[in-house]
Amino acid sequence: MATVYLEPQDLTPAQVARVLTLLNAASSAQALASAIEIPGELDIGTRLAQRLLDARAALGGRFTELRQVRAVRLIGPERFTEICAA
């Protein structure tokens, strides 16, 4: 079976809004890592969550589009898909 990964343009505006709300509301790396946790899978963890928070801070405190999330170092297709699925 083929593995399917999401790209920013694959999500509807409502889905984009939900993902951005999740990422912009996170108060800590641990909270973000927990929110994205998928039972039984290796998820983003606190180090990658901290990268997301640092990128968010560098953007003025908010992600405004999913391309910004996808551009974060070490957020590849699989991790990006996990973030969107959470």
C-alpha atoms as a PDB file:
ATOM      1  CA  MET A   1       0.000   0.000   0.000  1.00  0.00           C
ATOM      2  CA  ALA A   2       1.331   3.441  -0.900  1.00  0.00           C
ATOM      3  CA  THR A   3       2.035   5.989   1.796  1.00  0.00           C
ATOM      4  CA  VAL A   4       0.241   9.290   1.317  1.00  0.00           C
ATOM      5  CA  TYR A   5       1.593  12.530   2.737  1.00  0.00           C
ATOM      6  CA  LEU A   6      -0.238  15.832   2.968  1.00  0.00           C
ATOM      7  CA  GLU A   7       1.047  19.095   1.561  1.00  0.00           C
ATOM      8  CA  PRO A   8      -0.265  22.522   2.603  1.00  0.00           C
ATOM      9  CA  GLN A   9      -2.435  22.848  -0.516  1.00  0.00           C
ATOM     10  CA  ASP A  10      -4.194  19.535   0.242  1.00  0.00           C
ATOM     11  CA  LEU A  11      -6.150  20.918   3.191  1.00  0.00           C
ATOM     12  CA  THR A  12      -9.422  22.812   3.073  1.00  0.00           C
ATOM     13  CA  PRO A  13      -9.555  26.331   4.539  1.00  0.00           C
ATOM     14  CA  ALA A  14     -11.385  24.943   7.593  1.00  0.00           C
ATOM     15  CA  GLN A  15      -8.691  22.297   8.130  1.00  0.00           C
ATOM     16  CA  VAL A  16      -5.953  24.901   7.736  1.00  0.00           C
ATOM     17  CA  ALA A  17      -7.663  27.067  10.354  1.00  0.00           C
ATOM     18  CA  ARG A  18      -7.836  24.147  12.825  1.00  0.00           C
ATOM     19  CA  VAL A  19      -4.154  23.268  12.363  1.00  0.00           C
ATOM     20  CA  LEU A  20      -3.027  26.882  12.707  1.00  0.00           C
ATOM     21  CA  THR A  21      -5.200  27.337  15.796  1.00  0.00           C
ATOM     22  CA  LEU A  22      -3.606  24.270  17.399  1.00  0.00           C
ATOM     23  CA  LEU A  23      -0.078  25.446  16.616  1.00  0.00           C
ATOM     24  CA  ASN A  24      -0.670  29.062  17.603  1.00  0.00           C
ATOM     25  CA  ALA A  25      -2.377  28.157  20.891  1.00  0.00           C
ATOM     26  CA  ALA A  26       0.401  25.897  22.200  1.00  0.00           C
ATOM     27  CA  SER A  27       1.943  27.350  25.342  1.00  0.00           C
ATOM     28  CA  SER A  28       4.900  24.969  25.624  1.00  0.00           C
ATOM     29  CA  ALA A  29       6.808  22.355  23.670  1.00  0.00           C
ATOM     30  CA  GLN A  30       5.398  19.625  25.918  1.00  0.00           C
ATOM     31  CA  ALA A  31       1.823  20.817  25.367  1.00  0.00           C
ATOM     32  CA  LEU A  32       2.340  20.874  21.606  1.00  0.00           C
ATOM     33  CA  ALA A  33       4.002  17.449  21.552  1.00  0.00           C
ATOM     34  CA  SER A  34       1.111  16.035  23.604  1.00  0.00           C
ATOM     35  CA  ALA A  35      -1.499  17.591  21.311  1.00  0.00           C
ATOM     36  CA  ILE A  36       0.084  15.950  18.274  1.00  0.00           C
ATOM     37  CA  GLU A  37       0.615  12.568  19.959  1.00  0.00           C
ATOM     38  CA  ILE A  38      -0.643   9.653  17.887  1.00  0.00           C
ATOM     39  CA  PRO A  39      -0.943   6.488  20.012  1.00  0.00           C
ATOM     40  CA  GLY A  40       1.515   3.797  19.006  1.00  0.00           C
ATOM     41  CA  GLU A  41       3.652   6.016  16.759  1.00  0.00           C
ATOM     42  CA  LEU A  42       6.826   8.007  17.165  1.00  0.00           C
ATOM     43  CA  ASP A  43       5.592  11.559  16.967  1.00  0.00           C
ATOM     44  CA  ILE A  44       7.232  14.947  16.850  1.00  0.00           C
ATOM     45  CA  GLY A  45       8.438  14.972  20.467  1.00  0.00           C
ATOM     46  CA  THR A  46       9.401  17.993  22.483  1.00  0.00           C
ATOM     47  CA  ARG A  47      12.522  18.901  20.474  1.00  0.00           C
ATOM     48  CA  LEU A  48      10.608  19.223  17.227  1.00  0.00           C
ATOM     49  CA  ALA A  49       7.765  20.932  19.075  1.00  0.00           C
ATOM     50  CA  GLN A  50      10.271  23.470  20.385  1.00  0.00           C
ATOM     51  CA  ARG A  51      11.495  24.052  16.819  1.00  0.00           C
ATOM     52  CA  LEU A  52       7.909  24.839  15.855  1.00  0.00           C
ATOM     53  CA  LEU A  53       7.533  27.238  18.777  1.00  0.00           C
ATOM     54  CA  ASP A  54      10.836  28.946  17.905  1.00  0.00           C
ATOM     55  CA  ALA A  55       9.759  29.312  14.273  1.00  0.00           C
ATOM     56  CA  ARG A  56       6.429  30.710  15.421  1.00  0.00           C
ATOM     57  CA  ALA A  57       8.207  33.256  17.633  1.00  0.00           C
ATOM     58  CA  ALA A  58      10.482  34.258  14.746  1.00  0.00           C
ATOM     59  CA  LEU A  59       7.368  34.960  12.671  1.00  0.00           C
ATOM     60  CA  GLY A  60       6.065  37.403  15.262  1.00  0.00           C
ATOM     61  CA  GLY A  61       4.245  34.888  17.452  1.00  0.00           C
ATOM     62  CA  ARG A  62       1.880  33.304  14.928  1.00  0.00           C
ATOM     63  CA  PHE A  63       1.878  30.978  11.989  1.00  0.00           C
ATOM     64  CA  THR A  64      -0.328  32.498   9.303  1.00  0.00           C
ATOM     65  CA  GLU A  65      -0.074  29.755   6.679  1.00  0.00           C
ATOM     66  CA  LEU A  66       0.838  26.089   6.547  1.00  0.00           C
ATOM     67  CA  ARG A  67       3.810  26.676   4.242  1.00  0.00           C
ATOM     68  CA  GLN A  68       5.512  28.336   7.217  1.00  0.00           C
ATOM     69  CA  VAL A  69       5.008  25.171   9.259  1.00  0.00           C
ATOM     70  CA  ARG A  70       6.199  22.905   6.456  1.00  0.00           C
ATOM     71  CA  ALA A  71       9.345  25.058   6.079  1.00  0.00           C
ATOM     72  CA  VAL A  72      10.490  24.429   9.671  1.00  0.00           C
ATOM     73  CA  ARG A  73      13.714  22.431   9.684  1.00  0.00           C
ATOM     74  CA  LEU A  74      13.105  18.688  10.202  1.00  0.00           C
ATOM     75  CA  ILE A  75       9.366  18.979   9.516  1.00  0.00           C
ATOM     76  CA  GLY A  76       9.291  16.703   6.505  1.00  0.00           C
ATOM     77  CA  PRO A  77       6.304  15.178   4.730  1.00  0.00           C
ATOM     78  CA  GLU A  78       5.610  12.568   7.408  1.00  0.00           C
ATOM     79  CA  ARG A  79       5.801  14.958  10.362  1.00  0.00           C
ATOM     80  CA  PHE A  80       3.785  17.588   8.538  1.00  0.00           C
ATOM     81  CA  THR A  81       1.082  14.983   7.854  1.00  0.00           C
ATOM     82  CA  GLU A  82       1.078  13.975  11.540  1.00  0.00           C
ATOM     83  CA  ILE A  83       0.677  17.591  12.608  1.00  0.00           C
ATOM     84  CA  CYS A  84      -2.257  18.070  10.218  1.00  0.00           C
ATOM     85  CA  ALA A  85      -3.873  14.778  11.234  1.00  0.00           C
ATOM     86  CA  ALA A  86      -3.713  15.676  14.921  1.00  0.00           C
END
